[in-house]
Amino acid sequence: MKEDRQTLVDEFFAMIRRLNRTGSDIINVREFFWRSSESRGFVPPTVEFMTVLKTYNAVLFHEFRKSLVPNTSMHILANVHMEAGEALISLGITSLEELELAVKGKIMTKSASAG
């Protein structure tokens, strides 16, 4: 499967929007990261994804990290620290509206004059 970086970023945020705080979330996260690690032709922004996941859903991120085999590349990447703002910028999210669209699927900060 040939993917480009933006497609992978879009899939990541689609996954984030689907998280519903159930046991299946960890399965979805694991599948996404394992599939993204197989990307060829570009380096997937794995640390950025993990940083956003840690910021958005810390409990799920920690469960995911605990499920990783120690000293594997994915485990090492899960322990790299990056500021959330830097991760979002690297993923192409540079405004509050873009963040809301990516995480919520819609822009929530409408102007007061709407209506």
N, C-alpha and C. Protein backbone atom coordinates (compact mmCIF):
# COMPACT_ATOMS: atom_id res chain seq x y z
N MET A 1 0.85 -1.18 0.00
CA MET A 1 0.00 0.00 0.00
C MET A 1 0.89 1.25 0.00
N LYS A 2 0.75 2.05 -1.02
CA LYS A 2 1.56 3.26 -1.13
C LYS A 2 0.80 4.42 -0.49
N GLU A 3 1.41 5.02 0.50
CA GLU A 3 0.80 6.14 1.17
C GLU A 3 1.77 7.31 1.15
N ASP A 4 1.23 8.50 1.21
CA ASP A 4 2.10 9.64 1.38
C ASP A 4 1.92 10.17 2.81
N ARG A 5 2.78 11.09 3.17
CA ARG A 5 2.80 11.57 4.54
C ARG A 5 1.46 12.21 4.94
N GLN A 6 0.89 13.05 4.05
CA GLN A 6 -0.36 13.73 4.39
C GLN A 6 -1.50 12.74 4.57
N THR A 7 -1.54 11.70 3.76
CA THR A 7 -2.57 10.67 3.93
C THR A 7 -2.45 10.02 5.29
N LEU A 8 -1.22 9.73 5.70
CA LEU A 8 -0.99 9.11 7.00
C LEU A 8 -1.41 10.06 8.13
N VAL A 9 -1.08 11.34 8.00
CA VAL A 9 -1.49 12.34 9.01
C VAL A 9 -3.01 12.40 9.08
N ASP A 10 -3.67 12.41 7.93
CA ASP A 10 -5.15 12.44 7.89
C ASP A 10 -5.73 11.19 8.56
N GLU A 11 -5.13 10.02 8.30
CA GLU A 11 -5.59 8.79 8.93
C GLU A 11 -5.40 8.83 10.45
N PHE A 12 -4.29 9.42 10.90
CA PHE A 12 -4.04 9.53 12.33
C PHE A 12 -5.14 10.36 13.00
N PHE A 13 -5.45 11.52 12.44
CA PHE A 13 -6.47 12.36 13.06
C PHE A 13 -7.87 11.73 12.94
N ALA A 14 -8.12 10.99 11.88
CA ALA A 14 -9.39 10.26 11.78
C ALA A 14 -9.49 9.23 12.91
N MET A 15 -8.36 8.56 13.20
CA MET A 15 -8.35 7.60 14.32
C MET A 15 -8.60 8.32 15.64
N ILE A 16 -7.95 9.47 15.84
CA ILE A 16 -8.14 10.25 17.06
C ILE A 16 -9.62 10.58 17.25
N ARG A 17 -10.29 10.97 16.17
CA ARG A 17 -11.72 11.33 16.25
C ARG A 17 -12.58 10.12 16.59
N ARG A 18 -12.14 8.91 16.24
CA ARG A 18 -12.92 7.70 16.50
C ARG A 18 -12.74 7.16 17.91
N LEU A 19 -11.72 7.61 18.64
CA LEU A 19 -11.48 7.08 19.98
C LEU A 19 -12.70 7.34 20.85
N ASN A 20 -13.15 6.31 21.54
CA ASN A 20 -14.36 6.44 22.35
C ASN A 20 -14.18 5.90 23.76
N ARG A 21 -12.90 5.82 24.18
CA ARG A 21 -12.56 5.40 25.55
C ARG A 21 -13.08 4.01 25.88
N THR A 22 -12.94 3.10 24.92
CA THR A 22 -13.29 1.71 25.16
C THR A 22 -12.04 0.86 24.98
N GLY A 23 -12.17 -0.42 25.28
CA GLY A 23 -11.04 -1.34 25.14
C GLY A 23 -10.54 -1.47 23.72
N SER A 24 -11.40 -1.21 22.73
CA SER A 24 -10.97 -1.34 21.34
C SER A 24 -10.02 -0.22 20.93
N ASP A 25 -9.97 0.86 21.70
CA ASP A 25 -9.08 1.97 21.35
C ASP A 25 -7.63 1.53 21.27
N ILE A 26 -7.18 0.75 22.24
CA ILE A 26 -5.78 0.32 22.26
C ILE A 26 -5.47 -0.53 21.02
N ILE A 27 -6.43 -1.35 20.59
CA ILE A 27 -6.23 -2.16 19.39
C ILE A 27 -6.09 -1.27 18.17
N ASN A 28 -6.96 -0.26 18.06
CA ASN A 28 -6.90 0.67 16.93
C ASN A 28 -5.57 1.43 16.91
N VAL A 29 -5.12 1.86 18.06
CA VAL A 29 -3.86 2.61 18.15
C VAL A 29 -2.69 1.71 17.76
N ARG A 30 -2.66 0.50 18.29
CA ARG A 30 -1.58 -0.44 17.96
C ARG A 30 -1.55 -0.73 16.46
N GLU A 31 -2.71 -1.00 15.89
CA GLU A 31 -2.77 -1.28 14.45
C GLU A 31 -2.28 -0.09 13.63
N PHE A 32 -2.68 1.11 14.02
CA PHE A 32 -2.25 2.30 13.28
C PHE A 32 -0.73 2.43 13.33
N PHE A 33 -0.15 2.32 14.52
CA PHE A 33 1.31 2.51 14.63
C PHE A 33 2.08 1.40 13.92
N TRP A 34 1.61 0.17 14.00
CA TRP A 34 2.32 -0.90 13.30
C TRP A 34 2.21 -0.73 11.79
N ARG A 35 1.03 -0.34 11.31
CA ARG A 35 0.85 -0.11 9.87
C ARG A 35 1.70 1.07 9.40
N SER A 36 1.72 2.14 10.20
CA SER A 36 2.50 3.31 9.80
C SER A 36 4.00 3.03 9.82
N SER A 37 4.43 2.10 10.68
CA SER A 37 5.86 1.78 10.73
C SER A 37 6.32 1.04 9.47
N GLU A 38 5.37 0.51 8.70
CA GLU A 38 5.70 -0.19 7.47
C GLU A 38 5.78 0.75 6.27
N SER A 39 5.54 2.04 6.48
CA SER A 39 5.58 3.01 5.39
C SER A 39 6.96 3.04 4.76
N ARG A 40 6.98 3.11 3.46
CA ARG A 40 8.23 3.21 2.71
C ARG A 40 8.15 4.45 1.84
N GLY A 41 9.26 5.06 1.58
CA GLY A 41 9.29 6.24 0.72
C GLY A 41 9.31 7.54 1.50
N PHE A 42 8.96 7.48 2.78
CA PHE A 42 9.04 8.65 3.66
C PHE A 42 9.11 8.15 5.09
N VAL A 43 9.64 8.99 5.96
CA VAL A 43 9.73 8.63 7.37
C VAL A 43 8.44 9.07 8.04
N PRO A 44 7.66 8.14 8.57
CA PRO A 44 6.41 8.54 9.22
C PRO A 44 6.70 9.37 10.47
N PRO A 45 5.87 10.36 10.74
CA PRO A 45 6.08 11.22 11.91
C PRO A 45 5.60 10.55 13.20
N THR A 46 6.19 9.43 13.53
CA THR A 46 5.74 8.61 14.65
C THR A 46 5.84 9.34 15.98
N VAL A 47 6.94 10.02 16.23
CA VAL A 47 7.09 10.74 17.50
C VAL A 47 6.03 11.83 17.62
N GLU A 48 5.76 12.51 16.51
CA GLU A 48 4.72 13.54 16.52
C GLU A 48 3.35 12.92 16.82
N PHE A 49 3.05 11.78 16.18
CA PHE A 49 1.78 11.11 16.45
C PHE A 49 1.67 10.73 17.93
N MET A 50 2.73 10.15 18.47
CA MET A 50 2.70 9.73 19.86
C MET A 50 2.56 10.91 20.80
N THR A 51 3.20 12.03 20.46
CA THR A 51 3.09 13.23 21.29
C THR A 51 1.66 13.74 21.31
N VAL A 52 1.02 13.79 20.15
CA VAL A 52 -0.37 14.24 20.08
C VAL A 52 -1.27 13.27 20.83
N LEU A 53 -1.06 11.98 20.66
CA LEU A 53 -1.87 11.00 21.38
C LEU A 53 -1.69 11.15 22.88
N LYS A 54 -0.45 11.34 23.33
CA LYS A 54 -0.18 11.51 24.76
C LYS A 54 -0.90 12.75 25.30
N THR A 55 -0.93 13.82 24.50
CA THR A 55 -1.58 15.05 24.91
C THR A 55 -3.10 14.90 24.89
N TYR A 56 -3.61 14.25 23.85
CA TYR A 56 -5.06 14.11 23.67
C TYR A 56 -5.66 13.07 24.61
N ASN A 57 -4.95 11.97 24.81
CA ASN A 57 -5.48 10.87 25.62
C ASN A 57 -4.32 10.18 26.34
N ALA A 58 -3.89 10.78 27.44
CA ALA A 58 -2.71 10.30 28.17
C ALA A 58 -2.87 8.86 28.66
N VAL A 59 -4.05 8.51 29.13
CA VAL A 59 -4.26 7.16 29.66
C VAL A 59 -4.08 6.13 28.55
N LEU A 60 -4.68 6.37 27.41
CA LEU A 60 -4.55 5.45 26.28
C LEU A 60 -3.10 5.36 25.82
N PHE A 61 -2.42 6.50 25.75
CA PHE A 61 -1.02 6.49 25.34
C PHE A 61 -0.18 5.64 26.30
N HIS A 62 -0.40 5.79 27.59
CA HIS A 62 0.39 5.03 28.56
C HIS A 62 0.08 3.54 28.48
N GLU A 63 -1.17 3.18 28.22
CA GLU A 63 -1.52 1.77 28.02
C GLU A 63 -0.83 1.22 26.77
N PHE A 64 -0.84 2.02 25.71
CA PHE A 64 -0.15 1.62 24.48
C PHE A 64 1.34 1.43 24.74
N ARG A 65 1.94 2.38 25.40
CA ARG A 65 3.38 2.31 25.68
C ARG A 65 3.72 1.09 26.54
N LYS A 66 2.87 0.81 27.53
CA LYS A 66 3.11 -0.37 28.37
C LYS A 66 3.00 -1.67 27.59
N SER A 67 2.22 -1.67 26.51
CA SER A 67 2.00 -2.89 25.73
C SER A 67 3.15 -3.19 24.77
N LEU A 68 4.07 -2.24 24.62
CA LEU A 68 5.17 -2.42 23.67
C LEU A 68 6.28 -3.27 24.27
N VAL A 69 6.94 -4.03 23.42
CA VAL A 69 8.07 -4.86 23.84
C VAL A 69 9.25 -3.92 24.13
N PRO A 70 9.83 -4.02 25.33
CA PRO A 70 10.95 -3.13 25.67
C PRO A 70 12.09 -3.24 24.67
N ASN A 71 12.75 -2.12 24.46
CA ASN A 71 13.93 -1.99 23.61
C ASN A 71 13.68 -2.22 22.12
N THR A 72 12.42 -2.24 21.70
CA THR A 72 12.13 -2.27 20.27
C THR A 72 12.10 -0.82 19.76
N SER A 73 12.16 -0.67 18.46
CA SER A 73 12.16 0.70 17.92
C SER A 73 10.90 1.45 18.31
N MET A 74 9.74 0.79 18.30
CA MET A 74 8.49 1.47 18.66
C MET A 74 8.52 1.88 20.13
N HIS A 75 9.05 1.02 20.99
CA HIS A 75 9.16 1.34 22.42
C HIS A 75 10.07 2.54 22.62
N ILE A 76 11.18 2.56 21.91
CA ILE A 76 12.12 3.69 22.02
C ILE A 76 11.44 4.98 21.56
N LEU A 77 10.73 4.92 20.44
CA LEU A 77 10.04 6.11 19.93
C LEU A 77 8.96 6.60 20.89
N ALA A 78 8.30 5.67 21.58
CA ALA A 78 7.26 6.04 22.53
C ALA A 78 7.83 6.78 23.74
N ASN A 79 9.12 6.66 23.96
CA ASN A 79 9.74 7.31 25.11
C ASN A 79 10.49 8.58 24.74
N VAL A 80 10.41 9.01 23.49
CA VAL A 80 11.04 10.26 23.07
C VAL A 80 10.11 11.40 23.46
N HIS A 81 10.70 12.46 24.03
CA HIS A 81 9.89 13.62 24.42
C HIS A 81 9.90 14.68 23.32
N MET A 82 8.72 15.22 23.05
CA MET A 82 8.57 16.32 22.10
C MET A 82 7.45 17.21 22.63
N GLU A 83 7.60 18.51 22.48
CA GLU A 83 6.54 19.43 22.89
C GLU A 83 5.34 19.26 21.95
N ALA A 84 4.14 19.32 22.52
CA ALA A 84 2.92 19.12 21.72
C ALA A 84 2.81 20.16 20.60
N GLY A 85 3.15 21.40 20.88
CA GLY A 85 3.07 22.44 19.85
C GLY A 85 3.99 22.16 18.69
N GLU A 86 5.20 21.70 18.98
CA GLU A 86 6.14 21.35 17.91
C GLU A 86 5.61 20.19 17.09
N ALA A 87 5.01 19.20 17.76
CA ALA A 87 4.46 18.05 17.05
C ALA A 87 3.34 18.47 16.11
N LEU A 88 2.45 19.33 16.59
CA LEU A 88 1.33 19.78 15.75
C LEU A 88 1.83 20.56 14.55
N ILE A 89 2.81 21.44 14.75
CA ILE A 89 3.35 22.21 13.63
C ILE A 89 3.98 21.27 12.61
N SER A 90 4.71 20.28 13.10
CA SER A 90 5.33 19.31 12.20
C SER A 90 4.28 18.54 11.39
N LEU A 91 3.11 18.34 11.99
CA LEU A 91 2.02 17.64 11.31
C LEU A 91 1.18 18.57 10.43
N GLY A 92 1.56 19.85 10.38
CA GLY A 92 0.85 20.79 9.52
C GLY A 92 -0.30 21.51 10.19
N ILE A 93 -0.42 21.39 11.51
CA ILE A 93 -1.49 22.06 12.25
C ILE A 93 -0.90 23.35 12.82
N THR A 94 -1.31 24.49 12.26
CA THR A 94 -0.70 25.75 12.68
C THR A 94 -1.70 26.77 13.22
N SER A 95 -2.97 26.40 13.35
CA SER A 95 -3.95 27.32 13.92
C SER A 95 -4.95 26.53 14.77
N LEU A 96 -5.65 27.25 15.64
CA LEU A 96 -6.66 26.62 16.49
C LEU A 96 -7.75 25.99 15.62
N GLU A 97 -8.11 26.63 14.55
CA GLU A 97 -9.15 26.10 13.67
C GLU A 97 -8.71 24.78 13.04
N GLU A 98 -7.45 24.72 12.59
CA GLU A 98 -6.93 23.47 12.02
C GLU A 98 -6.89 22.38 13.07
N LEU A 99 -6.54 22.73 14.30
CA LEU A 99 -6.51 21.75 15.38
C LEU A 99 -7.91 21.21 15.66
N GLU A 100 -8.88 22.09 15.77
CA GLU A 100 -10.25 21.65 16.02
C GLU A 100 -10.76 20.77 14.89
N LEU A 101 -10.46 21.15 13.67
CA LEU A 101 -10.89 20.37 12.52
C LEU A 101 -10.25 18.98 12.54
N ALA A 102 -8.96 18.93 12.89
CA ALA A 102 -8.25 17.65 12.92
C ALA A 102 -8.75 16.76 14.05
N VAL A 103 -8.92 17.31 15.24
CA VAL A 103 -9.27 16.50 16.41
C VAL A 103 -10.77 16.28 16.55
N LYS A 104 -11.57 17.30 16.25
CA LYS A 104 -13.02 17.20 16.43
C LYS A 104 -13.77 16.91 15.14
N GLY A 105 -13.14 17.18 14.00
CA GLY A 105 -13.81 16.98 12.72
C GLY A 105 -14.63 18.17 12.30
N LYS A 106 -14.67 19.20 13.14
CA LYS A 106 -15.39 20.43 12.81
C LYS A 106 -14.79 21.57 13.62
N ILE A 107 -15.03 22.78 13.16
CA ILE A 107 -14.52 23.96 13.86
C ILE A 107 -15.56 24.40 14.88
N MET A 108 -15.13 24.48 16.13
CA MET A 108 -16.04 24.81 17.22
C MET A 108 -16.06 26.30 17.55
N THR A 109 -15.00 27.03 17.25
CA THR A 109 -14.90 28.44 17.63
C THR A 109 -15.51 29.31 16.54
N LYS A 110 -16.83 29.37 16.52
CA LYS A 110 -17.53 30.22 15.56
C LYS A 110 -17.61 31.64 16.14
N SER A 111 -17.74 32.61 15.27
CA SER A 111 -17.86 33.99 15.75
C SER A 111 -19.20 34.19 16.43
N ALA A 112 -19.25 35.13 17.36
CA ALA A 112 -20.46 35.40 18.13
C ALA A 112 -21.58 35.94 17.26
N SER A 113 -21.26 36.50 16.10
CA SER A 113 -22.30 37.10 15.24
C SER A 113 -23.01 36.08 14.38
N ALA A 114 -22.63 34.81 14.47
CA ALA A 114 -23.29 33.78 13.66
C ALA A 114 -24.70 33.57 14.17
N GLY A 115 -25.65 33.58 13.26
CA GLY A 115 -26.99 33.26 13.68
C GLY A 115 -27.90 34.35 13.42
